[in-house]
Structure formats: structure tokens, C-alpha cells
Protein backbone atom coordinates (compact mmCIF):
# COMPACT_ATOMS: atom_id res chain seq x y z
CA UNK A 1 45.34 66.20 16.13
CA UNK A 2 47.22 66.61 13.16
CA UNK A 3 46.16 63.40 11.75
CA UNK A 4 42.65 64.76 11.73
CA UNK A 5 43.57 68.28 10.11
CA UNK A 6 45.27 65.98 7.19
CA UNK A 7 42.08 64.02 6.76
CA UNK A 8 39.91 66.84 6.46
CA UNK A 9 42.25 68.73 4.03
CA UNK A 10 42.35 65.56 1.90
CA UNK A 11 38.41 65.55 1.56
CA UNK A 12 38.60 69.08 0.73
CA UNK A 13 40.58 69.18 -2.32
CA UNK A 14 38.66 65.89 -3.40
CA UNK A 15 35.38 67.82 -3.23
CA UNK A 16 36.82 71.07 -4.90
CA UNK A 17 38.33 68.73 -7.88
CA UNK A 18 34.87 67.71 -8.40
CA UNK A 19 32.97 71.09 -8.30
CA UNK A 20 31.95 73.21 -11.20
CA UNK A 21 34.33 75.97 -10.41
CA UNK A 22 37.57 73.63 -10.46
CA UNK A 23 35.99 72.46 -13.81
CA UNK A 24 35.73 76.20 -15.42
CA UNK A 25 39.33 76.66 -14.39
CA UNK A 26 40.78 73.91 -16.01
CA UNK A 27 38.91 74.86 -19.23
CA UNK A 28 40.21 78.42 -18.73
CA UNK A 29 43.65 77.42 -18.53
CA UNK A 30 43.46 75.20 -21.81
CA UNK A 31 42.44 77.73 -23.92
CA UNK A 32 44.36 81.09 -22.50
CA UNK A 33 47.55 79.33 -22.21
CA UNK A 34 47.89 78.41 -26.07
CA UNK A 35 46.53 81.95 -27.16
CA UNK A 36 49.17 83.49 -24.71
CA UNK A 37 51.74 81.46 -26.37
CA UNK A 38 50.34 82.19 -30.10
CA UNK A 39 50.21 85.72 -29.13
CA UNK A 40 53.90 85.87 -27.84
CA UNK A 41 54.83 84.20 -31.66
CA UNK A 42 52.78 86.58 -33.46
CA UNK A 43 54.45 89.64 -31.43
CA UNK A 44 58.01 88.47 -31.89
CA UNK A 45 57.39 87.72 -35.53
CA UNK A 46 55.92 91.32 -36.42
CA UNK A 47 58.77 92.99 -34.09
CA UNK A 48 61.41 91.15 -36.08
CA UNK A 49 59.85 92.19 -39.51
CA UNK A 50 59.61 95.93 -38.41
CA UNK A 51 63.05 95.73 -37.32
CA UNK A 52 64.33 94.24 -40.75
CA UNK A 53 62.55 97.00 -42.77
CA UNK A 54 65.03 99.51 -44.07
CA UNK A 55 64.41 103.30 -43.55
CA UNK A 56 62.47 105.18 -46.16
CA UNK A 57 65.07 107.05 -48.58
CA UNK A 58 64.69 110.55 -49.23
CA UNK A 59 62.53 111.53 -52.23
CA UNK A 60 64.42 112.05 -55.76
CA UNK A 61 65.02 115.42 -57.06
CA UNK A 62 62.50 116.47 -59.61
CA UNK A 63 62.75 118.36 -62.77
CA UNK A 64 61.22 121.36 -61.18
CA UNK A 65 64.12 121.26 -58.28
CA UNK A 66 66.56 120.65 -60.77
CA UNK A 67 65.28 123.89 -62.72
CA UNK A 68 65.18 125.94 -59.60
CA UNK A 69 68.86 125.11 -58.79
CA UNK A 70 70.05 126.19 -62.43
CA UNK A 71 67.66 129.35 -62.70
CA UNK A 72 67.43 132.93 -60.69
CA UNK A 73 64.61 135.38 -61.21
CA UNK A 74 65.78 138.74 -61.72
CA UNK A 75 64.10 141.80 -62.97
CA UNK A 76 65.92 144.47 -65.34
CA UNK A 77 66.15 146.93 -62.73
CA UNK A 78 67.83 144.20 -60.42
CA UNK A 79 69.90 143.14 -63.60
CA UNK A 80 71.36 146.60 -64.02
CA UNK A 81 72.02 147.29 -60.22
CA UNK A 82 73.85 143.99 -60.13
CA UNK A 83 76.57 145.25 -62.74
CA UNK A 84 75.15 142.52 -65.54
CA UNK A 85 75.03 143.54 -69.18
CA UNK A 86 72.90 141.81 -71.89
CA UNK A 87 75.27 140.72 -74.75
CA UNK A 88 74.30 138.70 -78.11
CA UNK A 89 76.99 136.09 -79.20
CA UNK A 90 78.82 136.89 -82.40
CA UNK A 91 78.83 134.42 -85.14
CA UNK A 92 82.15 133.56 -86.59
CA UNK A 93 82.84 131.64 -89.54
CA UNK A 94 86.45 131.37 -89.33
CA UNK A 95 88.91 130.17 -86.59
CA UNK A 96 92.53 131.52 -85.29
CA UNK A 97 95.48 129.64 -86.28
CA UNK A 98 98.52 131.13 -84.46
CA UNK A 99 101.62 132.32 -86.17
CA UNK A 100 104.84 132.96 -84.53
CA UNK A 101 107.12 136.38 -85.15
CA UNK A 102 109.37 139.00 -83.81
CA UNK A 103 109.69 142.49 -82.72
CA UNK A 104 112.23 143.99 -85.45
CA UNK A 105 113.47 147.52 -86.55
CA UNK A 106 111.93 148.46 -89.70
CA UNK A 107 113.61 149.74 -92.47
CA UNK A 108 114.95 153.06 -91.90
CA UNK A 109 114.64 152.65 -88.20
CA UNK A 110 118.76 153.19 -88.00
CA UNK A 111 121.01 155.14 -89.35
CA UNK A 112 124.76 155.55 -89.20
CA UNK A 113 125.87 159.28 -89.97
CA UNK A 114 129.46 159.16 -91.44
CA UNK A 115 131.66 162.11 -92.64
CA UNK A 116 130.55 162.91 -96.36
CA UNK A 117 134.38 164.68 -96.71
CA UNK A 118 137.66 164.79 -95.08
CA UNK A 119 137.96 167.12 -92.75
CA UNK A 120 138.54 168.18 -88.77
CA UNK A 121 135.74 167.92 -86.13
CA UNK A 122 135.02 171.58 -85.08
CA UNK A 123 131.81 171.02 -82.44
CA UNK A 124 129.83 167.83 -81.46
CA UNK A 125 126.73 169.20 -81.05
CA UNK A 126 124.79 165.99 -79.56
CA UNK A 127 125.19 163.42 -77.06
CA UNK A 128 124.09 159.72 -76.75
CA UNK A 129 120.86 159.76 -75.36
CA UNK A 130 119.32 163.08 -76.70
CA UNK A 131 116.24 163.21 -79.06
CA UNK A 132 116.85 164.61 -82.54
CA UNK A 133 114.80 165.59 -85.55
CA UNK A 134 115.42 164.48 -89.15
CA UNK A 135 117.52 167.36 -90.49
CA UNK A 136 118.97 168.54 -87.26
CA UNK A 137 122.73 169.44 -86.97
CA UNK A 138 124.95 166.86 -84.90
CA UNK A 139 128.26 168.08 -85.70
CA UNK A 140 130.63 171.18 -87.36
CA UNK A 141 133.25 169.86 -89.84
CA UNK A 142 135.93 172.18 -91.37
CA UNK A 143 137.11 170.45 -94.71
CA UNK A 144 139.55 171.77 -97.13
CA UNK A 145 138.19 169.52 -99.89
CA UNK A 146 134.80 170.90 -98.98
CA UNK A 147 136.03 174.61 -99.48
CA UNK A 148 136.88 173.12 -103.13
CA UNK A 149 133.74 171.65 -103.85
CA UNK A 150 132.18 175.11 -102.65
CA UNK A 151 134.69 176.88 -105.16
CA UNK A 152 133.77 174.75 -108.03
CA UNK A 153 130.20 174.90 -107.67
CA UNK A 154 130.64 178.78 -107.76
CA UNK A 155 132.65 178.57 -110.88
CA UNK A 156 130.36 176.46 -112.46
CA UNK A 157 127.33 178.59 -111.89
CA UNK A 158 129.19 181.74 -113.18
CA UNK A 159 130.66 179.93 -116.41
CA UNK A 160 126.77 178.79 -117.12
CA UNK A 161 125.41 182.19 -116.36
CA UNK A 162 128.32 183.54 -118.87
CA UNK A 163 127.33 181.54 -121.62
CA UNK A 164 123.83 181.93 -121.48
CA UNK A 165 124.30 185.62 -121.66
CA UNK A 166 126.34 185.25 -124.86
CA UNK A 167 123.69 182.90 -126.29
CA UNK A 168 121.00 185.48 -125.67
CA UNK A 169 123.34 188.31 -127.20
CA UNK A 170 123.80 185.94 -130.37
CA UNK A 171 120.15 185.44 -131.10
CA UNK A 172 119.35 189.21 -132.55
CA UNK A 173 122.94 188.98 -134.47
CA UNK A 174 121.95 186.07 -136.33
CA UNK A 175 118.28 187.30 -137.19
CA UNK A 176 120.62 190.44 -138.84
CA UNK A 177 123.00 187.89 -140.61
CA UNK A 178 125.83 189.17 -138.64
CA UNK A 179 126.26 185.58 -137.06
CA UNK A 180 125.59 182.23 -138.93
CA UNK A 181 123.01 179.82 -137.41
CA UNK A 182 125.85 177.06 -137.06
CA UNK A 183 127.64 179.52 -134.62
CA UNK A 184 124.30 180.43 -132.71
CA UNK A 185 123.62 176.51 -132.28
CA UNK A 186 127.20 176.06 -130.94
CA UNK A 187 126.86 178.74 -128.41
CA UNK A 188 123.47 177.44 -127.42
CA UNK A 189 125.07 173.97 -126.82
CA UNK A 190 127.91 175.41 -124.83
CA UNK A 191 125.26 177.17 -122.51
CA UNK A 192 123.35 174.20 -121.69
CA UNK A 193 126.31 172.20 -121.14
CA UNK A 194 127.63 174.54 -118.66
CA UNK A 195 124.31 175.04 -116.94
CA UNK A 196 124.07 171.08 -116.34
CA UNK A 197 127.86 171.11 -115.11
CA UNK A 198 126.56 174.08 -112.65
CA UNK A 199 123.49 171.84 -111.35
CA UNK A 200 126.06 168.88 -111.10
CA UNK A 201 128.56 170.90 -109.07
CA UNK A 202 125.88 172.38 -106.62
CA UNK A 203 124.37 168.94 -105.99
CA UNK A 204 127.95 167.64 -105.01
CA UNK A 205 128.13 170.40 -102.54
CA UNK A 206 124.78 169.97 -100.96
CA UNK A 207 125.39 165.93 -100.63
CA UNK A 208 128.50 167.18 -98.33
CA UNK A 209 126.36 169.59 -96.41
CA UNK A 210 126.87 172.75 -98.40
CA UNK A 211 130.07 173.72 -97.19
CA UNK A 212 131.04 177.49 -97.40
CA UNK A 213 133.66 179.30 -98.77
CA UNK A 214 135.95 178.33 -95.69
CA UNK A 215 134.86 174.65 -96.04
CA UNK A 216 132.52 174.84 -93.10
CA UNK A 217 129.61 172.62 -93.02
CA UNK A 218 127.36 170.74 -90.75
CA UNK A 219 126.49 167.31 -90.65
CA UNK A 220 122.83 166.41 -90.00
CA UNK A 221 120.50 163.56 -88.91
CA UNK A 222 118.92 162.20 -91.84
CA UNK A 223 116.00 160.40 -89.47
CA UNK A 224 114.26 161.50 -86.14
CA UNK A 225 115.35 159.41 -83.13
CA UNK A 226 117.48 159.33 -80.51
CA UNK A 227 121.41 159.35 -80.38
CA UNK A 228 122.74 155.62 -79.72
CA UNK A 229 126.43 156.63 -79.91
CA UNK A 230 128.88 159.61 -80.77
CA UNK A 231 132.16 158.35 -82.12
CA UNK A 232 133.87 161.51 -82.93
CA UNK A 233 135.13 164.10 -80.81
CA UNK A 234 136.25 168.07 -81.49
CA UNK A 235 139.57 168.16 -83.12
CA UNK A 236 139.35 164.87 -84.47
CA UNK A 237 140.40 164.59 -88.23
CA UNK A 238 138.38 162.13 -89.80
CA UNK A 239 138.09 160.51 -93.33
CA UNK A 240 135.09 160.45 -95.59
CA UNK A 241 132.70 157.54 -94.35
CA UNK A 242 134.12 157.49 -91.13
CA UNK A 243 131.19 157.14 -88.43
CA UNK A 244 130.21 160.26 -86.35
CA UNK A 245 127.22 159.02 -84.64
CA UNK A 246 124.55 156.23 -84.56
CA UNK A 247 121.05 157.26 -84.32
CA UNK A 248 117.98 154.59 -83.55
CA UNK A 249 114.50 155.27 -84.06
CA UNK A 250 112.56 152.98 -81.45
CA UNK A 251 109.14 154.07 -82.80
CA UNK A 252 110.25 152.24 -86.02
CA UNK A 253 110.20 148.68 -84.84
CA UNK A 254 107.62 146.61 -86.47
CA UNK A 255 106.20 142.83 -86.08
CA UNK A 256 107.60 140.42 -88.49
CA UNK A 257 106.07 137.18 -89.23
CA UNK A 258 107.33 134.37 -91.66
CA UNK A 259 104.08 132.35 -92.83
CA UNK A 260 103.53 129.67 -95.93
CA UNK A 261 102.15 131.12 -99.07
CA UNK A 262 98.79 129.42 -98.15
CA UNK A 263 98.30 131.27 -94.92
CA UNK A 264 99.65 134.45 -96.55
CA UNK A 265 96.99 134.39 -99.08
CA UNK A 266 94.10 134.70 -96.39
CA UNK A 267 96.10 137.87 -95.26
CA UNK A 268 95.68 141.39 -96.86
CA UNK A 269 97.11 144.98 -96.35
CA UNK A 270 95.04 147.02 -93.49
CA UNK A 271 93.72 143.51 -91.67
CA UNK A 272 93.62 143.50 -87.88
CA UNK A 273 95.59 140.81 -86.01
CA UNK A 274 95.01 139.88 -82.45
CA UNK A 275 98.75 139.52 -81.06
CA UNK A 276 100.17 138.10 -77.77
CA UNK A 277 103.54 139.43 -76.59
CA UNK A 278 104.14 137.71 -73.39
CA UNK A 279 101.58 138.55 -70.95
CA UNK A 280 100.37 141.60 -73.10
CA UNK A 281 97.46 141.57 -75.49
CA UNK A 282 97.64 143.89 -78.57
CA UNK A 283 96.33 144.55 -81.71
CA UNK A 284 98.08 145.12 -84.83
CA UNK A 285 97.35 146.12 -88.35
CA UNK A 286 99.12 144.30 -91.22
CA UNK A 287 101.37 146.62 -93.39
CA UNK A 288 102.50 144.28 -96.24
CA UNK A 289 102.43 140.74 -97.25
CA UNK A 290 105.06 139.96 -99.86
CA UNK A 291 106.88 136.60 -100.66
CA UNK A 292 110.30 136.53 -99.28
CA UNK A 293 112.86 136.41 -102.25
CA UNK A 294 115.52 135.21 -100.20
CA UNK A 295 113.70 131.83 -99.93
CA UNK A 296 112.64 131.67 -103.59
CA UNK A 297 109.23 132.81 -102.62
CA UNK A 298 108.66 129.53 -100.33
CA UNK A 299 108.05 131.88 -97.39
CA UNK A 300 105.41 135.01 -97.14
CA UNK A 301 106.90 137.79 -94.90
CA UNK A 302 104.05 139.66 -93.31
CA UNK A 303 105.01 142.93 -91.76
CA UNK A 304 102.61 144.48 -89.23
CA UNK A 305 102.27 147.75 -86.84
CA UNK A 306 100.53 147.74 -83.25
CA UNK A 307 97.60 149.81 -82.99
CA UNK A 308 97.07 152.06 -80.01
CA UNK A 309 99.36 150.14 -77.95
CA UNK A 310 103.15 150.79 -77.56
CA UNK A 311 105.47 148.34 -79.50
CA UNK A 312 107.40 145.88 -77.15
CA UNK A 313 110.97 146.14 -77.20
CA UNK A 314 113.22 144.99 -80.28
CA UNK A 315 113.79 141.24 -80.18
CA UNK A 316 110.52 140.72 -78.23
CA UNK A 317 108.81 137.12 -79.62
CA UNK A 318 105.30 137.63 -80.41
CA UNK A 319 102.48 135.43 -81.61
CA UNK A 320 99.62 136.59 -83.92
CA UNK A 321 96.24 135.00 -84.33
CA UNK A 322 95.18 134.63 -88.11
CA UNK A 323 91.35 134.10 -88.75
CA UNK A 324 91.05 131.31 -91.42
CA UNK A 325 87.95 130.17 -92.59
CA UNK A 326 86.16 127.06 -90.74
CA UNK A 327 83.88 124.47 -91.68
CA UNK A 328 81.56 124.97 -88.59
CA UNK A 329 79.68 127.75 -87.08
CA UNK A 330 81.00 129.33 -84.00
CA UNK A 331 79.99 132.29 -81.54
CA UNK A 332 82.27 134.60 -79.93
CA UNK A 333 81.02 136.15 -76.41
CA UNK A 334 83.03 138.49 -74.10
CA UNK A 335 85.19 136.63 -71.42
CA UNK A 336 83.46 137.74 -68.46
CA UNK A 337 80.34 135.72 -70.03
CA UNK A 338 81.72 132.34 -69.29
CA UNK A 339 81.89 130.76 -65.80
CA UNK A 340 82.97 127.28 -64.33
CA UNK A 341 79.88 125.95 -62.54
CA UNK A 342 80.63 122.52 -60.87
CA UNK A 343 83.32 121.94 -63.17
CA UNK A 344 81.50 122.56 -66.34
CA UNK A 345 81.88 125.81 -68.77
CA UNK A 346 78.67 127.87 -68.77
CA UNK A 347 77.08 130.93 -69.71
CA UNK A 348 74.07 132.28 -68.47
CA UNK A 349 70.78 133.07 -70.65
CA UNK A 350 68.24 135.72 -69.68
CA UNK A 351 64.55 135.68 -70.76
CA UNK A 352 61.59 136.66 -69.64
CA UNK A 353 62.91 137.81 -66.30
CA UNK A 354 64.72 134.33 -65.74
CA UNK A 355 68.64 133.91 -65.85
CA UNK A 356 69.52 130.29 -66.56
CA UNK A 357 73.05 128.49 -66.98
CA UNK A 358 73.73 127.17 -70.29
CA UNK A 359 76.54 124.35 -70.59
CA UNK A 360 78.90 124.96 -73.73
CA UNK A 361 81.90 123.64 -75.20
CA UNK A 362 84.82 126.20 -75.45
CA UNK A 363 86.91 126.19 -78.40
CA UNK A 364 89.22 128.84 -77.62
CA UNK A 365 89.75 131.61 -74.98
CA UNK A 366 91.88 134.79 -74.66
CA UNK A 367 91.88 137.72 -71.97
CA UNK A 368 88.71 139.52 -73.63
CA UNK A 369 86.78 136.91 -76.15
CA UNK A 370 85.71 133.23 -75.82
CA UNK A 371 84.81 131.18 -78.87
CA UNK A 372 81.97 128.95 -78.37
CA UNK A 373 81.78 125.72 -80.40
CA UNK A 374 78.80 124.23 -79.06
CA UNK A 375 75.90 124.98 -76.92
CA UNK A 376 74.43 128.14 -78.57
CA UNK A 377 72.32 128.75 -81.33
CA UNK A 378 73.09 132.61 -81.92
CA UNK A 379 69.62 134.06 -80.80
CA UNK A 380 70.09 133.80 -77.23
CA UNK A 381 70.51 137.09 -75.41
CA UNK A 382 73.46 136.54 -72.71
CA UNK A 383 74.63 138.37 -69.63
CA UNK A 384 78.08 139.38 -69.07
CA UNK A 385 79.90 141.74 -66.63
CA UNK A 386 79.26 140.38 -62.63
CA UNK A 387 78.43 137.05 -63.79
CA UNK A 388 80.41 135.45 -60.69
CA UNK A 389 77.71 136.78 -58.42
CA UNK A 390 74.93 134.51 -60.63
CA UNK A 391 77.80 131.40 -60.26
CA UNK A 392 78.14 131.89 -56.59
CA UNK A 393 74.23 131.89 -56.29
CA UNK A 394 73.46 128.83 -58.20
CA UNK A 395 76.75 126.95 -56.57
CA UNK A 396 75.05 127.74 -53.20
CA UNK A 397 71.67 126.47 -54.24
CA UNK A 398 73.08 123.02 -55.24
CA UNK A 399 75.44 122.51 -52.28
CA UNK A 400 72.73 121.24 -49.85
CA UNK A 401 71.65 119.14 -52.57
CA UNK A 402 75.06 117.36 -52.78
CA UNK A 403 75.70 116.78 -49.22
């Protein structure tokens, strides 16, 4: 039975292999299999190329986006409300040169009051730290020598008056012939001499303090200032020229600088200087510019006084800035007009409702002014005041593009 089945199966296979359907299937396989293999290769190569292609980079920033990052649109009304003030750069044809100096007591700012005549201190009318006026009494003295001076002055005055009277009496006598002209001339000379001696005696008394008949006199302050020290006490007997008190006038300080004659030639009386005394910024006016005789005129002494500011304490070192001619144009702007944006000094130009940052090169900077060396032409309208707000706005715009 099984052998018959195998024989029948073999016959069927032979017939099918020789049939048209079997031939068609064999032809289809011969075509489809190479096509499938080729399609697989093409798909693999395509996928490989796609995976090797880099991702597209973001577009480069354009000039329009760069301008937008450095400009702010703002109206004039918004400008006023934002605390911004329009300013014009000022042309400077000079440059500042620093000179060193010190605060010193001016001539006449200190006084040492001594005894004009030997005598005894009766009263001391001041104490250290007391403010006094020029001519104010600081001590009372009783001096026998002062009494003598007073008496001499009175006697000289009496003699002068007597001789003047005798001369006046002699004039009509000479006209009547009772007295010779020579005698009249002698009396005139005597009267003139006596009057001169009387004036000298009075001057000596005034220089002593105008002692009275008992020799009592007042010692007065020659300057206005503050009593620095009192070196006499009631009852003390002092000789002429012994020190009674010392007076200091703090308002009599001045700024003193030593400069070269060439630099001194660029200074003149009344000129204003920018001065720095430690952290303080001052203005000073030049009082005198004169050669220093002690150095054989090799150095020029410049004396100046502060303007609208108290003088620093005596001995304080100071630096003044002298404006000398420069060969290049520079512009000065208020210090608040300058900001640092991305590490670059900039100012902010305002035109047609738009604020733009302008990079500049700074030559010098102080607390209130900035000297611009490059970046300005002088015709711009810049902004001062609350420019920190503009800087923060522009910095926030640029930050995403830099990340």
C-alpha cells in the first residue's frame, strides 16, 4: 500500500514540474529574489547616508538682528520718565596733567603773641580753643615801663604844644620888627622837632598797647582765629618778647604745589583746578604763580584756595590736574553717560526716537567727568542720568544669543 502511495506521489511531482504553472513560479522567483536583494542594498545605503548627514546649524545672526540688540526704541516722553537727560559732548583741546602738593598754613595764618614790655600778668581773658577776633584782648598786663612810656608820650606832646604856641606868638612880633627873622626860624624848627618827637613817643605807646598812667595795658590778638595755647597765668612776671599765647587760623590754609617753570607758564591767577584730596574731589582757584627764590627760580610755586568746599586739614597731600594743550581732539561727557557693555566702554546716542550704544575709547575718568579719546565726532546727542537701565536692557537682549 505504501509503495503505491509513493509511486503516485512521484508521478504527481513529475507532472507538476512539467506544467506551465511550475514554470511561471520558477520565472517569478528568478526575478523577485534579485529585486529584493537590490532593494535591500539600496535601502541600507540610503539609511547610512541619512545617518551620516550632520544636523543643520542655526542661521547666522544678520545685521538687522545685531542692530536690534544694540538699539532701544523710546519716545521723548518715555525718555523723561526714565530719568535720562540729553547731553552734548564738550570739545577739549587740552589734557590734564597731575601735580602733587600739600595743604599748608598760609602766610599770616598763625600768630605768636608776646609781651610788648616787661610786666606782670594781671588777667588772662582767653583759654585754649576759644575763637577770637582780630584786635580782641587776650590778657591784661601791669608794667612800670609802660607807665614810663605813657609819661614820655604825654611830656613830648606837651612840649610840642608849647613850642608851637611860642612860634605862633613870634610871627606878629617879627612883622613889627621886634623879633628878627632868624629867631623866628629857630622857633619854627624847634616846634617842628618837638611835634615829631611827640608823634614818635605816641607811636611807642601804641605799639606797647597804649598803657595808661599806671602802666596798665591790654595785649590783643593780631589775627582772627582760635587760641591754640596759653603760656601765661595771672601773677606771672614776664620779660619783653616772652610768649603769652599762640593763635591759629584754620581758615588761613592753602594748597601749595611745586611745578616746573614750563608747566607753571600754563597757569595763571584765577584759573580753576580740579583737585583730589584722598576720596574727596575739590575745585580750587589759583591765587599766585611765582618762581621760588630758594631754588634759584628752578621751581615755580603755585598757591591755590578751595572754592565752595572746606579746606582739608593741614598736612593733607593733594593732587591737582592742570590742563595743558593737546595735539588731538578730545571730548568730555558726564561720568554717568559712560557704561560698560560686554566689557566695552560705551555711550548711548539718541536720534529719531532710537537709543544706540556707541563704543568709545576712554582717555581719563574722574568722579564727575569722562574724557573720550575716540568714538565721538562732537555732533551727537548723548544720554546721561539713568543709563544703567539702558545697559541692562541691551545686556538682557544679547544674553540668549550668546548662550
